[in-house]
PDB file of N, CA and C in Angstrom:
ATOM      1  N   MET A   1       0.839  -1.169   0.000  1.00  0.00           N
ATOM      2  CA  MET A   1       0.000   0.000   0.000  1.00  0.00           C
ATOM      3  C   MET A   1       0.894   1.247   0.000  1.00  0.00           C
ATOM      4  N   THR A   2       0.608   2.181  -0.895  1.00  0.00           N
ATOM      5  CA  THR A   2       1.425   3.390  -1.017  1.00  0.00           C
ATOM      6  C   THR A   2       0.644   4.612  -0.544  1.00  0.00           C
ATOM      7  N   ILE A   3       1.377   5.635  -0.208  1.00  0.00           N
ATOM      8  CA  ILE A   3       0.759   6.899   0.193  1.00  0.00           C
ATOM      9  C   ILE A   3       0.526   7.721  -1.061  1.00  0.00           C
ATOM     10  N   PRO A   4      -0.689   8.219  -1.257  1.00  0.00           N
ATOM     11  CA  PRO A   4      -0.954   9.017  -2.470  1.00  0.00           C
ATOM     12  C   PRO A   4      -0.149  10.324  -2.466  1.00  0.00           C
ATOM     13  N   PRO A   5       0.230  10.807  -3.652  1.00  0.00           N
ATOM     14  CA  PRO A   5       1.008  12.049  -3.735  1.00  0.00           C
ATOM     15  C   PRO A   5       0.271  13.267  -3.186  1.00  0.00           C
ATOM     16  N   VAL A   6      -1.053  13.246  -3.205  1.00  0.00           N
ATOM     17  CA  VAL A   6      -1.816  14.382  -2.679  1.00  0.00           C
ATOM     18  C   VAL A   6      -1.556  14.556  -1.182  1.00  0.00           C
ATOM     19  N   VAL A   7      -1.365  13.454  -0.462  1.00  0.00           N
ATOM     20  CA  VAL A   7      -1.073  13.532   0.971  1.00  0.00           C
ATOM     21  C   VAL A   7       0.301  14.179   1.180  1.00  0.00           C
ATOM     22  N   PHE A   8       1.283  13.799   0.338  1.00  0.00           N
ATOM     23  CA  PHE A   8       2.581  14.452   0.418  1.00  0.00           C
ATOM     24  C   PHE A   8       2.470  15.942   0.097  1.00  0.00           C
ATOM     25  N   GLY A   9       1.657  16.259  -0.902  1.00  0.00           N
ATOM     26  CA  GLY A   9       1.476  17.658  -1.284  1.00  0.00           C
ATOM     27  C   GLY A   9       0.843  18.481  -0.175  1.00  0.00           C
ATOM     28  N   LEU A  10      -0.231  17.965   0.401  1.00  0.00           N
ATOM     29  CA  LEU A  10      -0.884  18.690   1.504  1.00  0.00           C
ATOM     30  C   LEU A  10       0.014  18.760   2.734  1.00  0.00           C
ATOM     31  N   GLY A  11       0.710  17.674   3.036  1.00  0.00           N
ATOM     32  CA  GLY A  11       1.630  17.683   4.180  1.00  0.00           C
ATOM     33  C   GLY A  11       2.763  18.680   3.990  1.00  0.00           C
ATOM     34  N   GLY A  12       3.347  18.710   2.781  1.00  0.00           N
ATOM     35  CA  GLY A  12       4.408  19.680   2.492  1.00  0.00           C
ATOM     36  C   GLY A  12       3.910  21.109   2.561  1.00  0.00           C
ATOM     37  N   LEU A  13       2.687  21.334   2.069  1.00  0.00           N
ATOM     38  CA  LEU A  13       2.109  22.680   2.109  1.00  0.00           C
ATOM     39  C   LEU A  13       1.860  23.128   3.540  1.00  0.00           C
ATOM     40  N   ILE A  14       1.288  22.254   4.349  1.00  0.00           N
ATOM     41  CA  ILE A  14       0.987  22.608   5.743  1.00  0.00           C
ATOM     42  C   ILE A  14       2.280  22.820   6.537  1.00  0.00           C
ATOM     43  N   LEU A  15       3.252  21.915   6.394  1.00  0.00           N
ATOM     44  CA  LEU A  15       4.525  22.082   7.109  1.00  0.00           C
ATOM     45  C   LEU A  15       5.295  23.314   6.627  1.00  0.00           C
ATOM     46  N   GLY A  16       5.244  23.576   5.330  1.00  0.00           N
ATOM     47  CA  GLY A  16       5.908  24.766   4.794  1.00  0.00           C
ATOM     48  C   GLY A  16       5.275  26.050   5.320  1.00  0.00           C
ATOM     49  N   LEU A  17       3.950  26.079   5.387  1.00  0.00           N
ATOM     50  CA  LEU A  17       3.282  27.258   5.935  1.00  0.00           C
ATOM     51  C   LEU A  17       3.565  27.425   7.424  1.00  0.00           C
ATOM     52  N   LEU A  18       3.636  26.296   8.144  1.00  0.00           N
ATOM     53  CA  LEU A  18       3.961  26.387   9.570  1.00  0.00           C
ATOM     54  C   LEU A  18       5.392  26.877   9.784  1.00  0.00           C
ATOM     55  N   LEU A  19       6.337  26.401   8.955  1.00  0.00           N
ATOM     56  CA  LEU A  19       7.710  26.883   9.079  1.00  0.00           C
ATOM     57  C   LEU A  19       7.839  28.349   8.676  1.00  0.00           C
ATOM     58  N   THR A  20       6.997  28.789   7.734  1.00  0.00           N
ATOM     59  CA  THR A  20       7.075  30.170   7.285  1.00  0.00           C
ATOM     60  C   THR A  20       6.445  31.125   8.284  1.00  0.00           C
ATOM     61  N   PHE A  21       5.267  30.786   8.783  1.00  0.00           N
ATOM     62  CA  PHE A  21       4.514  31.728   9.601  1.00  0.00           C
ATOM     63  C   PHE A  21       4.342  31.317  11.058  1.00  0.00           C
ATOM     64  N   GLY A  22       4.358  30.022  11.359  1.00  0.00           N
ATOM     65  CA  GLY A  22       3.960  29.570  12.678  1.00  0.00           C
ATOM     66  C   GLY A  22       5.077  29.360  13.675  1.00  0.00           C
ATOM     67  N   PHE A  23       6.085  28.605  13.301  1.00  0.00           N
ATOM     68  CA  PHE A  23       7.133  28.250  14.253  1.00  0.00           C
ATOM     69  C   PHE A  23       8.044  29.444  14.519  1.00  0.00           C
ATOM     70  N   PRO A  24       8.631  29.508  15.708  1.00  0.00           N
ATOM     71  CA  PRO A  24       9.561  30.611  15.983  1.00  0.00           C
ATOM     72  C   PRO A  24      10.800  30.523  15.103  1.00  0.00           C
ATOM     73  N   ILE A  25      11.339  31.686  14.788  1.00  0.00           N
ATOM     74  CA  ILE A  25      12.485  31.761  13.896  1.00  0.00           C
ATOM     75  C   ILE A  25      13.774  31.588  14.702  1.00  0.00           C
ATOM     76  N   GLN A  26      14.782  30.951  14.101  1.00  0.00           N
ATOM     77  CA  GLN A  26      16.057  30.754  14.771  1.00  0.00           C
ATOM     78  C   GLN A  26      16.951  31.957  14.483  1.00  0.00           C
ATOM     79  N   ARG A  27      17.781  32.314  15.426  1.00  0.00           N
ATOM     80  CA  ARG A  27      18.649  33.465  15.226  1.00  0.00           C
ATOM     81  C   ARG A  27      19.986  33.099  14.624  1.00  0.00           C
ATOM     82  N   GLY A  28      20.371  31.843  14.680  1.00  0.00           N
ATOM     83  CA  GLY A  28      21.664  31.435  14.140  1.00  0.00           C
ATOM     84  C   GLY A  28      21.653  31.437  12.622  1.00  0.00           C
ATOM     85  N   ARG A  29      22.767  31.808  12.020  1.00  0.00           N
ATOM     86  CA  ARG A  29      22.834  31.949  10.573  1.00  0.00           C
ATOM     87  C   ARG A  29      22.728  30.610   9.859  1.00  0.00           C
ATOM     88  N   TYR A  30      23.551  29.640  10.249  1.00  0.00           N
ATOM     89  CA  TYR A  30      23.578  28.361   9.540  1.00  0.00           C
ATOM     90  C   TYR A  30      22.334  27.536   9.814  1.00  0.00           C
ATOM     91  N   ARG A  31      21.876  27.552  11.035  1.00  0.00           N
ATOM     92  CA  ARG A  31      20.664  26.811  11.374  1.00  0.00           C
ATOM     93  C   ARG A  31      19.467  27.374  10.616  1.00  0.00           C
ATOM     94  N   ASN A  32      19.416  28.687  10.470  1.00  0.00           N
ATOM     95  CA  ASN A  32      18.320  29.302   9.739  1.00  0.00           C
ATOM     96  C   ASN A  32      18.405  28.970   8.247  1.00  0.00           C
ATOM     97  N   GLN A  33      19.607  28.873   7.699  1.00  0.00           N
ATOM     98  CA  GLN A  33      19.740  28.509   6.287  1.00  0.00           C
ATOM     99  C   GLN A  33      19.267  27.081   6.036  1.00  0.00           C
ATOM    100  N   ILE A  34      19.528  26.190   6.972  1.00  0.00           N
ATOM    101  CA  ILE A  34      19.044  24.813   6.831  1.00  0.00           C
ATOM    102  C   ILE A  34      17.524  24.788   6.839  1.00  0.00           C
ATOM    103  N   TRP A  35      16.908  25.554   7.751  1.00  0.00           N
ATOM    104  CA  TRP A  35      15.446  25.601   7.790  1.00  0.00           C
ATOM    105  C   TRP A  35      14.878  26.288   6.552  1.00  0.00           C
ATOM    106  N   ASP A  36      15.591  27.253   5.989  1.00  0.00           N
ATOM    107  CA  ASP A  36      15.155  27.866   4.732  1.00  0.00           C
ATOM    108  C   ASP A  36      15.158  26.852   3.594  1.00  0.00           C
ATOM    109  N   LEU A  37      16.217  26.053   3.513  1.00  0.00           N
ATOM    110  CA  LEU A  37      16.270  25.028   2.460  1.00  0.00           C
ATOM    111  C   LEU A  37      15.179  23.975   2.652  1.00  0.00           C
ATOM    112  N   LEU A  38      14.909  23.618   3.910  1.00  0.00           N
ATOM    113  CA  LEU A  38      13.839  22.663   4.179  1.00  0.00           C
ATOM    114  C   LEU A  38      12.475  23.244   3.792  1.00  0.00           C
ATOM    115  N   THR A  39      12.263  24.511   4.077  1.00  0.00           N
ATOM    116  CA  THR A  39      11.010  25.167   3.692  1.00  0.00           C
ATOM    117  C   THR A  39      10.861  25.191   2.178  1.00  0.00           C
ATOM    118  N   LEU A  40      11.935  25.528   1.464  1.00  0.00           N
ATOM    119  CA  LEU A  40      11.894  25.532   0.008  1.00  0.00           C
ATOM    120  C   LEU A  40      11.583  24.139  -0.531  1.00  0.00           C
ATOM    121  N   ALA A  41      12.220  23.123   0.035  1.00  0.00           N
ATOM    122  CA  ALA A  41      11.971  21.745  -0.412  1.00  0.00           C
ATOM    123  C   ALA A  41      10.536  21.320  -0.129  1.00  0.00           C
ATOM    124  N   LEU A  42       9.989  21.727   1.000  1.00  0.00           N
ATOM    125  CA  LEU A  42       8.600  21.363   1.313  1.00  0.00           C
ATOM    126  C   LEU A  42       7.618  21.984   0.330  1.00  0.00           C
ATOM    127  N   PHE A  43       7.868  23.214  -0.077  1.00  0.00           N
ATOM    128  CA  PHE A  43       6.969  23.835  -1.051  1.00  0.00           C
ATOM    129  C   PHE A  43       7.124  23.218  -2.438  1.00  0.00           C
ATOM    130  N   VAL A  44       8.330  22.800  -2.798  1.00  0.00           N
ATOM    131  CA  VAL A  44       8.505  22.116  -4.084  1.00  0.00           C
ATOM    132  C   VAL A  44       7.789  20.771  -4.053  1.00  0.00           C
ATOM    133  N   VAL A  45       7.893  20.039  -2.938  1.00  0.00           N
ATOM    134  CA  VAL A  45       7.161  18.771  -2.788  1.00  0.00           C
ATOM    135  C   VAL A  45       5.661  19.013  -2.823  1.00  0.00           C
ATOM    136  N   ALA A  46       5.216  20.114  -2.214  1.00  0.00           N
ATOM    137  CA  ALA A  46       3.786  20.446  -2.246  1.00  0.00           C
ATOM    138  C   ALA A  46       3.326  20.732  -3.673  1.00  0.00           C
ATOM    139  N   GLY A  47       4.138  21.441  -4.436  1.00  0.00           N
ATOM    140  CA  GLY A  47       3.777  21.707  -5.829  1.00  0.00           C
ATOM    141  C   GLY A  47       3.722  20.442  -6.654  1.00  0.00           C
ATOM    142  N   TRP A  48       4.676  19.534  -6.421  1.00  0.00           N
ATOM    143  CA  TRP A  48       4.673  18.269  -7.153  1.00  0.00           C
ATOM    144  C   TRP A  48       3.517  17.382  -6.723  1.00  0.00           C
ATOM    145  N   GLY A  49       3.232  17.340  -5.417  1.00  0.00           N
ATOM    146  CA  GLY A  49       2.226  16.418  -4.913  1.00  0.00           C
ATOM    147  C   GLY A  49       0.800  16.836  -5.209  1.00  0.00           C
ATOM    148  N   LEU A  50       0.538  18.127  -5.225  1.00  0.00           N
ATOM    149  CA  LEU A  50      -0.831  18.565  -5.489  1.00  0.00           C
ATOM    150  C   LEU A  50      -1.213  18.412  -6.950  1.00  0.00           C
ATOM    151  N   ALA A  51      -0.247  18.487  -7.853  1.00  0.00           N
ATOM    152  CA  ALA A  51      -0.423  18.183  -9.286  1.00  0.00           C
ATOM    153  C   ALA A  51      -1.612  18.915  -9.893  1.00  0.00           C
ATOM    154  N   ILE A  52      -1.567  20.233  -9.838  1.00  0.00           N
ATOM    155  CA  ILE A  52      -2.642  21.027 -10.424  1.00  0.00           C
ATOM    156  C   ILE A  52      -2.458  21.152 -11.930  1.00  0.00           C
ATOM    157  N   TRP A  53      -1.214  21.410 -12.391  1.00  0.00           N
ATOM    158  CA  TRP A  53      -0.929  21.540 -13.809  1.00  0.00           C
ATOM    159  C   TRP A  53       0.004  20.416 -14.240  1.00  0.00           C
ATOM    160  N   ASP A  54       0.712  20.634 -15.333  1.00  0.00           N
ATOM    161  CA  ASP A  54       1.686  19.632 -15.767  1.00  0.00           C
ATOM    162  C   ASP A  54       2.878  19.620 -14.791  1.00  0.00           C
ATOM    163  N   PRO A  55       3.658  18.545 -14.772  1.00  0.00           N
ATOM    164  CA  PRO A  55       4.709  18.392 -13.737  1.00  0.00           C
ATOM    165  C   PRO A  55       5.733  19.522 -13.683  1.00  0.00           C
ATOM    166  N   LEU A  56       6.176  20.027 -14.831  1.00  0.00           N
ATOM    167  CA  LEU A  56       7.171  21.087 -14.817  1.00  0.00           C
ATOM    168  C   LEU A  56       6.599  22.388 -14.249  1.00  0.00           C
ATOM    169  N   SER A  57       5.368  22.702 -14.608  1.00  0.00           N
ATOM    170  CA  SER A  57       4.733  23.903 -14.060  1.00  0.00           C
ATOM    171  C   SER A  57       4.475  23.762 -12.563  1.00  0.00           C
ATOM    172  N   ASN A  58       4.152  22.563 -12.107  1.00  0.00           N
ATOM    173  CA  ASN A  58       3.956  22.338 -10.669  1.00  0.00           C
ATOM    174  C   ASN A  58       5.248  22.573  -9.898  1.00  0.00           C
ATOM    175  N   LEU A  59       6.371  22.060 -10.419  1.00  0.00           N
ATOM    176  CA  LEU A  59       7.655  22.275  -9.755  1.00  0.00           C
ATOM    177  C   LEU A  59       8.054  23.747  -9.782  1.00  0.00           C
ATOM    178  N   ALA A  60       7.786  24.433 -10.903  1.00  0.00           N
ATOM    179  CA  ALA A  60       8.114  25.858 -10.994  1.00  0.00           C
ATOM    180  C   ALA A  60       7.264  26.668 -10.019  1.00  0.00           C
ATOM    181  N   ALA A  61       5.986  26.343  -9.913  1.00  0.00           N
ATOM    182  CA  ALA A  61       5.118  27.053  -8.966  1.00  0.00           C
ATOM    183  C   ALA A  61       5.562  26.795  -7.532  1.00  0.00           C
ATOM    184  N   GLY A  62       5.923  25.554  -7.221  1.00  0.00           N
ATOM    185  CA  GLY A  62       6.428  25.240  -5.889  1.00  0.00           C
ATOM    186  C   GLY A  62       7.723  25.977  -5.583  1.00  0.00           C
ATOM    187  N   LEU A  63       8.599  26.094  -6.582  1.00  0.00           N
ATOM    188  CA  LEU A  63       9.857  26.812  -6.401  1.00  0.00           C
ATOM    189  C   LEU A  63       9.618  28.300  -6.170  1.00  0.00           C
ATOM    190  N   ILE A  64       8.705  28.896  -6.925  1.00  0.00           N
ATOM    191  CA  ILE A  64       8.412  30.323  -6.765  1.00  0.00           C
ATOM    192  C   ILE A  64       7.799  30.603  -5.398  1.00  0.00           C
ATOM    193  N   VAL A  65       6.832  29.783  -4.997  1.00  0.00           N
ATOM    194  CA  VAL A  65       6.207  29.972  -3.686  1.00  0.00           C
ATOM    195  C   VAL A  65       7.216  29.692  -2.572  1.00  0.00           C
ATOM    196  N   GLY A  66       8.089  28.709  -2.768  1.00  0.00           N
ATOM    197  CA  GLY A  66       9.121  28.409  -1.775  1.00  0.00           C
ATOM    198  C   GLY A  66      10.120  29.543  -1.623  1.00  0.00           C
ATOM    199  N   LEU A  67      10.517  30.159  -2.729  1.00  0.00           N
ATOM    200  CA  LEU A  67      11.422  31.307  -2.643  1.00  0.00           C
ATOM    201  C   LEU A  67      10.761  32.485  -1.946  1.00  0.00           C
ATOM    202  N   ALA A  68       9.466  32.685  -2.199  1.00  0.00           N
ATOM    203  CA  ALA A  68       8.735  33.743  -1.485  1.00  0.00           C
ATOM    204  C   ALA A  68       8.674  33.432   0.016  1.00  0.00           C
ATOM    205  N   ALA A  69       8.507  32.170   0.365  1.00  0.00           N
ATOM    206  CA  ALA A  69       8.490  31.778   1.781  1.00  0.00           C
ATOM    207  C   ALA A  69       9.847  32.003   2.431  1.00  0.00           C
ATOM    208  N   VAL A  70      10.931  31.751   1.703  1.00  0.00           N
ATOM    209  CA  VAL A  70      12.271  31.996   2.236  1.00  0.00           C
ATOM    210  C   VAL A  70      12.482  33.490   2.471  1.00  0.00           C
ATOM    211  N   VAL A  71      12.002  34.330   1.566  1.00  0.00           N
ATOM    212  CA  VAL A  71      12.111  35.779   1.753  1.00  0.00           C
ATOM    213  C   VAL A  71      11.321  36.214   2.988  1.00  0.00           C
ATOM    214  N   ILE A  72      10.130  35.640   3.174  1.00  0.00           N
ATOM    215  CA  ILE A  72       9.329  35.963   4.362  1.00  0.00           C
ATOM    216  C   ILE A  72      10.046  35.503   5.625  1.00  0.00           C
ATOM    217  N   ARG A  73      10.638  34.321   5.601  1.00  0.00           N
ATOM    218  CA  ARG A  73      11.390  33.834   6.767  1.00  0.00           C
ATOM    219  C   ARG A  73      12.597  34.721   7.058  1.00  0.00           C
ATOM    220  N   ASP A  74      13.281  35.170   6.015  1.00  0.00           N
ATOM    221  CA  ASP A  74      14.431  36.046   6.232  1.00  0.00           C
ATOM    222  C   ASP A  74      13.999  37.403   6.779  1.00  0.00           C
ATOM    223  N   PHE A  75      12.854  37.892   6.347  1.00  0.00           N
ATOM    224  CA  PHE A  75      12.326  39.133   6.915  1.00  0.00           C
ATOM    225  C   PHE A  75      11.981  38.937   8.389  1.00  0.00           C
ATOM    226  N   ARG A  76      11.395  37.798   8.719  1.00  0.00           N
ATOM    227  CA  ARG A  76      11.116  37.509  10.130  1.00  0.00           C
ATOM    228  C   ARG A  76      12.400  37.396  10.937  1.00  0.00           C
ATOM    229  N   LEU A  77      13.454  36.824  10.344  1.00  0.00           N
ATOM    230  CA  LEU A  77      14.747  36.749  11.019  1.00  0.00           C
ATOM    231  C   LEU A  77      15.316  38.150  11.242  1.00  0.00           C
ATOM    232  N   TRP A  78      15.195  39.015  10.254  1.00  0.00           N
ATOM    233  CA  TRP A  78      15.661  40.389  10.401  1.00  0.00           C
ATOM    234  C   TRP A  78      14.904  41.088  11.522  1.00  0.00           C
ATOM    235  N   LEU A  79      13.600  40.872  11.590  1.00  0.00           N
ATOM    236  CA  LEU A  79      12.821  41.470  12.679  1.00  0.00           C
ATOM    237  C   LEU A  79      13.241  40.913  14.033  1.00  0.00           C
ATOM    238  N   ALA A  80      13.566  39.636  14.100  1.00  0.00           N
ATOM    239  CA  ALA A  80      13.980  39.040  15.376  1.00  0.00           C
ATOM    240  C   ALA A  80      15.357  39.526  15.803  1.00  0.00           C
ATOM    241  N   ARG A  81      16.258  39.723  14.849  1.00  0.00           N
ATOM    242  CA  ARG A  81      17.606  40.165  15.202  1.00  0.00           C
ATOM    243  C   ARG A  81      17.653  41.616  15.632  1.00  0.00           C
ATOM    244  N   PHE A  82      16.911  42.464  14.952  1.00  0.00           N
ATOM    245  CA  PHE A  82      17.003  43.891  15.200  1.00  0.00           C
ATOM    246  C   PHE A  82      15.809  44.420  15.975  1.00  0.00           C
ATOM    247  N   HIS A  83      15.206  43.574  16.764  1.00  0.00           N
ATOM    248  CA  HIS A  83      14.079  43.988  17.581  1.00  0.00           C
ATOM    249  C   HIS A  83      14.542  44.972  18.651  1.00  0.00           C
ATOM    250  N   SER A  84      13.922  46.104  18.716  1.00  0.00           N
ATOM    251  CA  SER A  84      14.175  47.161  19.698  1.00  0.00           C
ATOM    252  C   SER A  84      15.629  47.628  19.719  1.00  0.00           C
ATOM    253  N   GLN A  85      16.272  47.663  18.560  1.00  0.00           N
ATOM    254  CA  GLN A  85      17.609  48.226  18.461  1.00  0.00           C
ATOM    255  C   GLN A  85      17.544  49.484  17.614  1.00  0.00           C
ATOM    256  N   SER A  86      18.299  50.457  17.982  1.00  0.00           N
ATOM    257  CA  SER A  86      18.353  51.675  17.181  1.00  0.00           C
ATOM    258  C   SER A  86      19.646  51.679  16.378  1.00  0.00           C
ATOM    259  N   TYR A  87      19.611  52.350  15.271  1.00  0.00           N
ATOM    260  CA  TYR A  87      20.790  52.434  14.423  1.00  0.00           C
ATOM    261  C   TYR A  87      21.803  53.333  15.107  1.00  0.00           C
ATOM    262  N   ARG A  88      23.046  52.935  15.125  1.00  0.00           N
ATOM    263  CA  ARG A  88      24.038  53.634  15.927  1.00  0.00           C
ATOM    264  C   ARG A  88      24.611  54.878  15.261  1.00  0.00           C
ATOM    265  N   ARG A  89      24.405  55.061  13.996  1.00  0.00           N
ATOM    266  CA  ARG A  89      24.928  56.234  13.308  1.00  0.00           C
ATOM    267  C   ARG A  89      23.869  57.324  13.359  1.00  0.00           C
ATOM    268  N   SER A  90      23.913  58.134  14.373  1.00  0.00           N
ATOM    269  CA  SER A  90      22.824  59.081  14.571  1.00  0.00           C
ATOM    270  C   SER A  90      23.141  60.488  14.076  1.00  0.00           C
ATOM    271  N   HIS A  91      24.358  60.728  13.584  1.00  0.00           N
ATOM    272  CA  HIS A  91      24.694  62.058  13.106  1.00  0.00           C
ATOM    273  C   HIS A  91      23.941  62.345  11.819  1.00  0.00           C
ATOM    274  N   ARG A  92      23.420  63.546  11.679  1.00  0.00           N
ATOM    275  CA  ARG A  92      22.573  63.837  10.523  1.00  0.00           C
ATOM    276  C   ARG A  92      23.331  63.899   9.213  1.00  0.00           C
ATOM    277  N   TYR A  93      24.633  64.114   9.247  1.00  0.00           N
ATOM    278  CA  TYR A  93      25.404  64.165   8.014  1.00  0.00           C
ATOM    279  C   TYR A  93      26.085  62.846   7.678  1.00  0.00           C
ATOM    280  N   TYR A  94      25.790  61.808   8.368  1.00  0.00           N
ATOM    281  CA  TYR A  94      26.548  60.569   8.174  1.00  0.00           C
ATOM    282  C   TYR A  94      26.426  60.036   6.754  1.00  0.00           C
ATOM    283  N   TRP A  95      25.236  59.972   6.217  1.00  0.00           N
ATOM    284  CA  TRP A  95      25.051  59.377   4.895  1.00  0.00           C
ATOM    285  C   TRP A  95      25.468  60.308   3.771  1.00  0.00           C
ATOM    286  N   TYR A  96      25.820  61.517   4.072  1.00  0.00           N
ATOM    287  CA  TYR A  96      26.263  62.434   3.021  1.00  0.00           C
ATOM    288  C   TYR A  96      27.772  62.441   2.871  1.00  0.00           C
ATOM    289  N   GLY A  97      28.469  61.632   3.582  1.00  0.00           N
ATOM    290  CA  GLY A  97      29.887  61.471   3.353  1.00  0.00           C
ATOM    291  C   GLY A  97      30.788  62.139   4.363  1.00  0.00           C
ATOM    292  N   ARG A  98      30.247  62.900   5.274  1.00  0.00           N
ATOM    293  CA  ARG A  98      31.107  63.609   6.206  1.00  0.00           C
ATOM    294  C   ARG A  98      31.836  62.646   7.139  1.00  0.00           C
ATOM    295  N   ALA A  99      31.133  61.645   7.653  1.00  0.00           N
ATOM    296  CA  ALA A  99      31.758  60.732   8.602  1.00  0.00           C
ATOM    297  C   ALA A  99      32.728  59.783   7.921  1.00  0.00           C
ATOM    298  N   ARG A 100      32.499  59.465   6.664  1.00  0.00           N
ATOM    299  CA  ARG A 100      33.375  58.529   5.962  1.00  0.00           C
ATOM    300  C   ARG A 100      34.458  59.217   5.143  1.00  0.00           C
ATOM    301  N   ASN A 101      34.467  60.543   5.168  1.00  0.00           N
ATOM    302  CA  ASN A 101      35.515  61.306   4.506  1.00  0.00           C
ATOM    303  C   ASN A 101      35.519  61.059   2.993  1.00  0.00           C
ATOM    304  N   TRP A 102      34.373  61.171   2.358  1.00  0.00           N
ATOM    305  CA  TRP A 102      34.271  60.944   0.923  1.00  0.00           C
ATOM    306  C   TRP A 102      34.621  62.182   0.095  1.00  0.00           C
ATOM    307  N   TYR A 103      34.543  63.365   0.678  1.00  0.00           N
ATOM    308  CA  TYR A 103      34.649  64.583  -0.121  1.00  0.00           C
ATOM    309  C   TYR A 103      35.985  65.284   0.015  1.00  0.00           C
ATOM    310  N   GLY A 104      37.013  64.599   0.319  1.00  0.00           N
ATOM    311  CA  GLY A 104      38.292  65.288   0.368  1.00  0.00           C
ATOM    312  C   GLY A 104      39.151  64.811   1.517  1.00  0.00           C
ATOM    313  N   GLY A 105      40.037  65.698   1.906  1.00  0.00           N
ATOM    314  CA  GLY A 105      41.010  65.354   2.936  1.00  0.00           C
ATOM    315  C   GLY A 105      40.383  65.207   4.307  1.00  0.00           C
ATOM    316  N   ARG A 106      41.159  64.657   5.185  1.00  0.00           N
ATOM    317  CA  ARG A 106      40.682  64.472   6.555  1.00  0.00           C
ATOM    318  C   ARG A 106      40.509  65.812   7.244  1.00  0.00           C
ATOM    319  N   ARG A 107      39.590  65.850   8.141  1.00  0.00           N
ATOM    320  CA  ARG A 107      39.465  67.022   8.995  1.00  0.00           C
ATOM    321  C   ARG A 107      40.515  66.909  10.083  1.00  0.00           C
ATOM    322  N   ARG A 108      41.299  67.912  10.182  1.00  0.00           N
ATOM    323  CA  ARG A 108      42.359  67.884  11.175  1.00  0.00           C
ATOM    324  C   ARG A 108      41.960  68.701  12.389  1.00  0.00           C
ATOM    325  N   ARG A 109      42.385  68.218  13.492  1.00  0.00           N
ATOM    326  CA  ARG A 109      42.170  68.992  14.717  1.00  0.00           C
ATOM    327  C   ARG A 109      43.182  70.128  14.764  1.00  0.00           C
ATOM    328  N   ARG A 110      42.762  71.190  15.310  1.00  0.00           N
ATOM    329  CA  ARG A 110      43.701  72.287  15.497  1.00  0.00           C
ATOM    330  C   ARG A 110      44.625  71.954  16.646  1.00  0.00           C
ATOM    331  N   SER A 111      45.825  72.243  16.446  1.00  0.00           N
ATOM    332  CA  SER A 111      46.762  72.020  17.552  1.00  0.00           C
ATOM    333  C   SER A 111      46.997  73.364  18.234  1.00  0.00           C
ATOM    334  N   TYR A 112      46.655  73.410  19.467  1.00  0.00           N
ATOM    335  CA  TYR A 112      46.841  74.609  20.271  1.00  0.00           C
ATOM    336  C   TYR A 112      48.150  74.487  21.029  1.00  0.00           C
ATOM    337  N   ARG A 113      49.113  75.265  20.655  1.00  0.00           N
ATOM    338  CA  ARG A 113      50.404  75.164  21.314  1.00  0.00           C
ATOM    339  C   ARG A 113      50.608  76.290  22.256  1.00  0.00           C
TER     340      ARG A 113
END
């Protein structure tokens, strides 16, 4: 007795959605990349298992939805990492090049002798 592909498709879709939106996000870089690849694989399996169109279009749709899920997971990771942190470059001229010395020579301190 075999398991029908529709069960794999629904299972992959449900697990992929839970990994994307439901489960807490990991803060570690490598561990999060592994979960991203697993999420992508689950959506590709869901596209193959649900078999709405021809096989190549199903895999392409699963890949597109899986990549969108990875982007959503990475956005959630960004929110988890930078929660309640302020940007440390608070000077108003920072992005215009003053702090990085883009417009010429260094600013020298006056030496008072």
